[in-house]
């Protein structure tokens, strides 16, 4: 079976679900909303910034960047 997850790749819940399917030897793909490193045998991995995920990375822990606020 092929399974694609669109999730935050850092999420423990998402990682548990992906681990479940990889242990069943299914083809697992991840479209992560944040940059992350996943220690699972994924068939594919892509970063797909959604909503404010890219703003959180560029501004650190201080909040939303100026570009995101003005839009």
PDB file of N, CA and C in Angstrom:
ATOM      1  N   UNK A   1       0.846  -1.162   0.000  1.00  0.00           N
ATOM      2  CA  UNK A   1       0.000   0.000   0.000  1.00  0.00           C
ATOM      3  C   UNK A   1       0.900   1.237   0.000  1.00  0.00           C
ATOM      4  N   UNK A   2       0.464   2.295  -0.631  1.00  0.00           N
ATOM      5  CA  UNK A   2       1.164   3.580  -0.614  1.00  0.00           C
ATOM      6  C   UNK A   2       0.396   4.537   0.287  1.00  0.00           C
ATOM      7  N   UNK A   3       1.139   5.188   1.190  1.00  0.00           N
ATOM      8  CA  UNK A   3       0.527   6.116   2.133  1.00  0.00           C
ATOM      9  C   UNK A   3       1.322   7.417   2.100  1.00  0.00           C
ATOM     10  N   UNK A   4       0.604   8.539   1.988  1.00  0.00           N
ATOM     11  CA  UNK A   4       1.267   9.838   2.034  1.00  0.00           C
ATOM     12  C   UNK A   4       0.749  10.621   3.229  1.00  0.00           C
ATOM     13  N   UNK A   5       1.671  11.078   4.042  1.00  0.00           N
ATOM     14  CA  UNK A   5       1.324  11.887   5.200  1.00  0.00           C
ATOM     15  C   UNK A   5       1.637  13.342   4.895  1.00  0.00           C
ATOM     16  N   UNK A   6       0.680  14.219   5.133  1.00  0.00           N
ATOM     17  CA  UNK A   6       0.900  15.662   5.099  1.00  0.00           C
ATOM     18  C   UNK A   6       0.798  16.086   6.551  1.00  0.00           C
ATOM     19  N   UNK A   7       1.959  16.282   7.166  1.00  0.00           N
ATOM     20  CA  UNK A   7       1.997  16.525   8.607  1.00  0.00           C
ATOM     21  C   UNK A   7       3.288  17.231   8.977  1.00  0.00           C
ATOM     22  N   UNK A   8       3.355  17.682  10.208  1.00  0.00           N
ATOM     23  CA  UNK A   8       4.598  18.202  10.761  1.00  0.00           C
ATOM     24  C   UNK A   8       5.477  16.990  11.051  1.00  0.00           C
ATOM     25  N   UNK A   9       6.572  16.860  10.331  1.00  0.00           N
ATOM     26  CA  UNK A   9       7.448  15.710  10.483  1.00  0.00           C
ATOM     27  C   UNK A   9       8.128  15.619  11.830  1.00  0.00           C
ATOM     28  N   UNK A  10       8.001  16.654  12.660  1.00  0.00           N
ATOM     29  CA  UNK A  10       8.565  16.629  14.011  1.00  0.00           C
ATOM     30  C   UNK A  10       7.581  16.072  15.029  1.00  0.00           C
ATOM     31  N   UNK A  11       6.335  15.904  14.640  1.00  0.00           N
ATOM     32  CA  UNK A  11       5.279  15.482  15.552  1.00  0.00           C
ATOM     33  C   UNK A  11       5.442  14.019  15.970  1.00  0.00           C
ATOM     34  N   UNK A  12       5.471  13.760  17.277  1.00  0.00           N
ATOM     35  CA  UNK A  12       5.572  12.377  17.744  1.00  0.00           C
ATOM     36  C   UNK A  12       4.395  11.514  17.292  1.00  0.00           C
ATOM     37  N   UNK A  13       3.217  12.087  17.210  1.00  0.00           N
ATOM     38  CA  UNK A  13       2.043  11.324  16.779  1.00  0.00           C
ATOM     39  C   UNK A  13       2.183  10.940  15.310  1.00  0.00           C
ATOM     40  N   UNK A  14       2.576  11.897  14.466  1.00  0.00           N
ATOM     41  CA  UNK A  14       2.777  11.597  13.047  1.00  0.00           C
ATOM     42  C   UNK A  14       3.882  10.560  12.865  1.00  0.00           C
ATOM     43  N   UNK A  15       4.959  10.690  13.626  1.00  0.00           N
ATOM     44  CA  UNK A  15       6.059   9.726  13.529  1.00  0.00           C
ATOM     45  C   UNK A  15       5.605   8.321  13.919  1.00  0.00           C
ATOM     46  N   UNK A  16       4.765   8.205  14.941  1.00  0.00           N
ATOM     47  CA  UNK A  16       4.259   6.886  15.338  1.00  0.00           C
ATOM     48  C   UNK A  16       3.409   6.256  14.237  1.00  0.00           C
ATOM     49  N   UNK A  17       2.564   7.066  13.598  1.00  0.00           N
ATOM     50  CA  UNK A  17       1.757   6.534  12.499  1.00  0.00           C
ATOM     51  C   UNK A  17       2.635   6.109  11.335  1.00  0.00           C
ATOM     52  N   UNK A  18       3.622   6.922  10.993  1.00  0.00           N
ATOM     53  CA  UNK A  18       4.517   6.566   9.897  1.00  0.00           C
ATOM     54  C   UNK A  18       5.315   5.310  10.224  1.00  0.00           C
ATOM     55  N   UNK A  19       5.755   5.196  11.469  1.00  0.00           N
ATOM     56  CA  UNK A  19       6.489   3.997  11.894  1.00  0.00           C
ATOM     57  C   UNK A  19       5.614   2.750  11.750  1.00  0.00           C
ATOM     58  N   UNK A  20       4.348   2.862  12.126  1.00  0.00           N
ATOM     59  CA  UNK A  20       3.421   1.736  12.010  1.00  0.00           C
ATOM     60  C   UNK A  20       3.366   1.225  10.570  1.00  0.00           C
ATOM     61  N   UNK A  21       3.201   2.143   9.619  1.00  0.00           N
ATOM     62  CA  UNK A  21       3.070   1.739   8.220  1.00  0.00           C
ATOM     63  C   UNK A  21       4.393   1.271   7.622  1.00  0.00           C
ATOM     64  N   UNK A  22       5.517   1.883   8.029  1.00  0.00           N
ATOM     65  CA  UNK A  22       6.806   1.416   7.504  1.00  0.00           C
ATOM     66  C   UNK A  22       7.138   0.026   8.032  1.00  0.00           C
ATOM     67  N   UNK A  23       6.736  -0.281   9.262  1.00  0.00           N
ATOM     68  CA  UNK A  23       6.975  -1.619   9.806  1.00  0.00           C
ATOM     69  C   UNK A  23       6.140  -2.681   9.100  1.00  0.00           C
ATOM     70  N   UNK A  24       5.030  -2.267   8.503  1.00  0.00           N
ATOM     71  CA  UNK A  24       4.205  -3.185   7.702  1.00  0.00           C
ATOM     72  C   UNK A  24       4.746  -3.304   6.285  1.00  0.00           C
ATOM     73  N   UNK A  25       5.839  -2.608   6.003  1.00  0.00           N
ATOM     74  CA  UNK A  25       6.493  -2.594   4.692  1.00  0.00           C
ATOM     75  C   UNK A  25       5.651  -1.926   3.609  1.00  0.00           C
ATOM     76  N   UNK A  26       4.849  -0.936   4.041  1.00  0.00           N
ATOM     77  CA  UNK A  26       4.115  -0.126   3.079  1.00  0.00           C
ATOM     78  C   UNK A  26       5.033   0.985   2.571  1.00  0.00           C
ATOM     79  N   UNK A  27       4.699   1.558   1.426  1.00  0.00           N
ATOM     80  CA  UNK A  27       5.461   2.674   0.878  1.00  0.00           C
ATOM     81  C   UNK A  27       4.945   3.963   1.501  1.00  0.00           C
ATOM     82  N   UNK A  28       5.770   4.596   2.323  1.00  0.00           N
ATOM     83  CA  UNK A  28       5.352   5.784   3.066  1.00  0.00           C
ATOM     84  C   UNK A  28       6.076   7.003   2.519  1.00  0.00           C
ATOM     85  N   UNK A  29       5.303   8.038   2.221  1.00  0.00           N
ATOM     86  CA  UNK A  29       5.812   9.318   1.747  1.00  0.00           C
ATOM     87  C   UNK A  29       5.412  10.379   2.766  1.00  0.00           C
ATOM     88  N   UNK A  30       6.265  11.392   2.929  1.00  0.00           N
ATOM     89  CA  UNK A  30       5.969  12.468   3.872  1.00  0.00           C
ATOM     90  C   UNK A  30       6.072  13.804   3.167  1.00  0.00           C
ATOM     91  N   UNK A  31       5.027  14.620   3.284  1.00  0.00           N
ATOM     92  CA  UNK A  31       5.054  16.023   2.885  1.00  0.00           C
ATOM     93  C   UNK A  31       4.983  16.800   4.192  1.00  0.00           C
ATOM     94  N   UNK A  32       6.146  17.194   4.698  1.00  0.00           N
ATOM     95  CA  UNK A  32       6.228  17.829   6.016  1.00  0.00           C
ATOM     96  C   UNK A  32       6.008  19.328   5.900  1.00  0.00           C
ATOM     97  N   UNK A  33       5.280  19.881   6.848  1.00  0.00           N
ATOM     98  CA  UNK A  33       5.020  21.312   6.875  1.00  0.00           C
ATOM     99  C   UNK A  33       6.155  22.077   7.540  1.00  0.00           C
ATOM    100  N   UNK A  34       7.130  21.375   8.118  1.00  0.00           N
ATOM    101  CA  UNK A  34       8.319  21.976   8.728  1.00  0.00           C
ATOM    102  C   UNK A  34       9.538  21.152   8.346  1.00  0.00           C
ATOM    103  N   UNK A  35      10.703  21.787   8.301  1.00  0.00           N
ATOM    104  CA  UNK A  35      11.954  21.048   8.084  1.00  0.00           C
ATOM    105  C   UNK A  35      12.185  20.123   9.272  1.00  0.00           C
ATOM    106  N   UNK A  36      12.618  18.918   8.964  1.00  0.00           N
ATOM    107  CA  UNK A  36      12.857  17.945  10.021  1.00  0.00           C
ATOM    108  C   UNK A  36      13.749  16.834   9.492  1.00  0.00           C
ATOM    109  N   UNK A  37      14.251  16.035  10.405  1.00  0.00           N
ATOM    110  CA  UNK A  37      14.970  14.828  10.024  1.00  0.00           C
ATOM    111  C   UNK A  37      14.172  13.654  10.568  1.00  0.00           C
ATOM    112  N   UNK A  38      13.883  12.722   9.699  1.00  0.00           N
ATOM    113  CA  UNK A  38      13.065  11.572  10.071  1.00  0.00           C
ATOM    114  C   UNK A  38      13.922  10.324   9.919  1.00  0.00           C
ATOM    115  N   UNK A  39      14.003   9.549  10.986  1.00  0.00           N
ATOM    116  CA  UNK A  39      14.812   8.333  10.981  1.00  0.00           C
ATOM    117  C   UNK A  39      13.921   7.123  10.696  1.00  0.00           C
ATOM    118  N   UNK A  40      13.253   7.172   9.549  1.00  0.00           N
ATOM    119  CA  UNK A  40      12.381   6.084   9.117  1.00  0.00           C
ATOM    120  C   UNK A  40      12.687   5.787   7.649  1.00  0.00           C
ATOM    121  N   UNK A  41      12.446   4.570   7.211  1.00  0.00           N
ATOM    122  CA  UNK A  41      12.703   4.236   5.795  1.00  0.00           C
ATOM    123  C   UNK A  41      11.588   4.745   4.876  1.00  0.00           C
ATOM    124  N   UNK A  42      11.557   6.059   4.657  1.00  0.00           N
ATOM    125  CA  UNK A  42      10.523   6.663   3.817  1.00  0.00           C
ATOM    126  C   UNK A  42      10.875   6.491   2.340  1.00  0.00           C
ATOM    127  N   UNK A  43       9.854   6.360   1.508  1.00  0.00           N
ATOM    128  CA  UNK A  43      10.065   6.278   0.056  1.00  0.00           C
ATOM    129  C   UNK A  43      10.256   7.665  -0.545  1.00  0.00           C
ATOM    130  N   UNK A  44       9.756   8.684   0.134  1.00  0.00           N
ATOM    131  CA  UNK A  44       9.898  10.044  -0.354  1.00  0.00           C
ATOM    132  C   UNK A  44       9.668  11.042   0.760  1.00  0.00           C
ATOM    133  N   UNK A  45      10.291  12.218   0.624  1.00  0.00           N
ATOM    134  CA  UNK A  45      10.188  13.268   1.640  1.00  0.00           C
ATOM    135  C   UNK A  45      10.227  14.612   0.930  1.00  0.00           C
ATOM    136  N   UNK A  46       9.292  15.470   1.263  1.00  0.00           N
ATOM    137  CA  UNK A  46       9.202  16.789   0.644  1.00  0.00           C
ATOM    138  C   UNK A  46       8.799  17.786   1.719  1.00  0.00           C
ATOM    139  N   UNK A  47       9.358  18.989   1.649  1.00  0.00           N
ATOM    140  CA  UNK A  47       8.952  20.054   2.567  1.00  0.00           C
ATOM    141  C   UNK A  47       7.933  20.916   1.850  1.00  0.00           C
ATOM    142  N   UNK A  48       6.766  21.057   2.459  1.00  0.00           N
ATOM    143  CA  UNK A  48       5.675  21.838   1.876  1.00  0.00           C
ATOM    144  C   UNK A  48       5.246  22.873   2.914  1.00  0.00           C
ATOM    145  N   UNK A  49       5.779  24.103   2.841  1.00  0.00           N
ATOM    146  CA  UNK A  49       5.390  25.108   3.823  1.00  0.00           C
ATOM    147  C   UNK A  49       3.907  25.454   3.678  1.00  0.00           C
ATOM    148  N   UNK A  50       3.203  25.411   4.782  1.00  0.00           N
ATOM    149  CA  UNK A  50       1.773  25.679   4.801  1.00  0.00           C
ATOM    150  C   UNK A  50       1.505  26.771   5.827  1.00  0.00           C
ATOM    151  N   UNK A  51       0.639  27.706   5.508  1.00  0.00           N
ATOM    152  CA  UNK A  51       0.230  28.790   6.407  1.00  0.00           C
ATOM    153  C   UNK A  51       1.451  29.521   6.949  1.00  0.00           C
ATOM    154  N   UNK A  52       1.697  29.454   8.252  1.00  0.00           N
ATOM    155  CA  UNK A  52       2.765  30.217   8.882  1.00  0.00           C
ATOM    156  C   UNK A  52       3.997  29.387   9.202  1.00  0.00           C
ATOM    157  N   UNK A  53       4.097  28.186   8.667  1.00  0.00           N
ATOM    158  CA  UNK A  53       5.242  27.338   9.005  1.00  0.00           C
ATOM    159  C   UNK A  53       6.559  27.952   8.543  1.00  0.00           C
ATOM    160  N   UNK A  54       6.590  28.600   7.380  1.00  0.00           N
ATOM    161  CA  UNK A  54       7.835  29.211   6.917  1.00  0.00           C
ATOM    162  C   UNK A  54       8.149  30.477   7.709  1.00  0.00           C
ATOM    163  N   UNK A  55       7.144  31.186   8.181  1.00  0.00           N
ATOM    164  CA  UNK A  55       7.369  32.389   8.970  1.00  0.00           C
ATOM    165  C   UNK A  55       7.960  32.041  10.328  1.00  0.00           C
ATOM    166  N   UNK A  56       7.542  30.952  10.902  1.00  0.00           N
ATOM    167  CA  UNK A  56       8.057  30.546  12.207  1.00  0.00           C
ATOM    168  C   UNK A  56       9.526  30.187  12.123  1.00  0.00           C
ATOM    169  N   UNK A  57       9.961  29.602  11.034  1.00  0.00           N
ATOM    170  CA  UNK A  57      11.364  29.233  10.879  1.00  0.00           C
ATOM    171  C   UNK A  57      12.237  30.449  10.647  1.00  0.00           C
ATOM    172  N   UNK A  58      11.769  31.416   9.871  1.00  0.00           N
ATOM    173  CA  UNK A  58      12.611  32.557   9.533  1.00  0.00           C
ATOM    174  C   UNK A  58      12.729  33.554  10.671  1.00  0.00           C
ATOM    175  N   UNK A  59      11.746  33.613  11.562  1.00  0.00           N
ATOM    176  CA  UNK A  59      11.787  34.605  12.625  1.00  0.00           C
ATOM    177  C   UNK A  59      12.197  34.026  13.964  1.00  0.00           C
ATOM    178  N   UNK A  60      12.438  32.728  14.021  1.00  0.00           N
ATOM    179  CA  UNK A  60      12.824  32.118  15.295  1.00  0.00           C
ATOM    180  C   UNK A  60      11.648  32.032  16.236  1.00  0.00           C
ATOM    181  N   UNK A  61      11.877  32.279  17.503  1.00  0.00           N
ATOM    182  CA  UNK A  61      10.813  32.150  18.503  1.00  0.00           C
ATOM    183  C   UNK A  61      10.134  33.470  18.799  1.00  0.00           C
ATOM    184  N   UNK A  62      10.476  34.539  18.079  1.00  0.00           N
ATOM    185  CA  UNK A  62       9.918  35.853  18.364  1.00  0.00           C
ATOM    186  C   UNK A  62       8.541  36.071  17.746  1.00  0.00           C
ATOM    187  N   UNK A  63       8.113  35.236  16.831  1.00  0.00           N
ATOM    188  CA  UNK A  63       6.784  35.423  16.246  1.00  0.00           C
ATOM    189  C   UNK A  63       6.835  35.461  14.737  1.00  0.00           C
ATOM    190  N   UNK A  64       5.837  36.084  14.157  1.00  0.00           N
ATOM    191  CA  UNK A  64       5.670  36.091  12.710  1.00  0.00           C
ATOM    192  C   UNK A  64       6.560  37.158  12.101  1.00  0.00           C
ATOM    193  N   UNK A  65       7.148  36.875  10.957  1.00  0.00           N
ATOM    194  CA  UNK A  65       8.036  37.821  10.285  1.00  0.00           C
ATOM    195  C   UNK A  65       7.239  39.007   9.743  1.00  0.00           C
ATOM    196  N   UNK A  66       7.946  40.077   9.413  1.00  0.00           N
ATOM    197  CA  UNK A  66       7.305  41.290   8.896  1.00  0.00           C
ATOM    198  C   UNK A  66       6.600  41.008   7.579  1.00  0.00           C
ATOM    199  N   UNK A  67       7.202  40.175   6.728  1.00  0.00           N
ATOM    200  CA  UNK A  67       6.585  39.855   5.436  1.00  0.00           C
ATOM    201  C   UNK A  67       5.245  39.170   5.642  1.00  0.00           C
ATOM    202  N   UNK A  68       5.167  38.231   6.573  1.00  0.00           N
ATOM    203  CA  UNK A  68       3.929  37.501   6.816  1.00  0.00           C
ATOM    204  C   UNK A  68       2.876  38.403   7.454  1.00  0.00           C
ATOM    205  N   UNK A  69       3.301  39.349   8.303  1.00  0.00           N
ATOM    206  CA  UNK A  69       2.340  40.240   8.964  1.00  0.00           C
ATOM    207  C   UNK A  69       1.688  41.185   7.972  1.00  0.00           C
ATOM    208  N   UNK A  70       2.455  41.634   6.979  1.00  0.00           N
ATOM    209  CA  UNK A  70       1.903  42.627   6.064  1.00  0.00           C
ATOM    210  C   UNK A  70       0.927  42.019   5.062  1.00  0.00           C
ATOM    211  N   UNK A  71       0.962  40.699   4.885  1.00  0.00           N
ATOM    212  CA  UNK A  71       0.117  40.051   3.879  1.00  0.00           C
ATOM    213  C   UNK A  71      -1.169  39.681   4.354  1.00  0.00           C
TER     214      UNK A  71
END
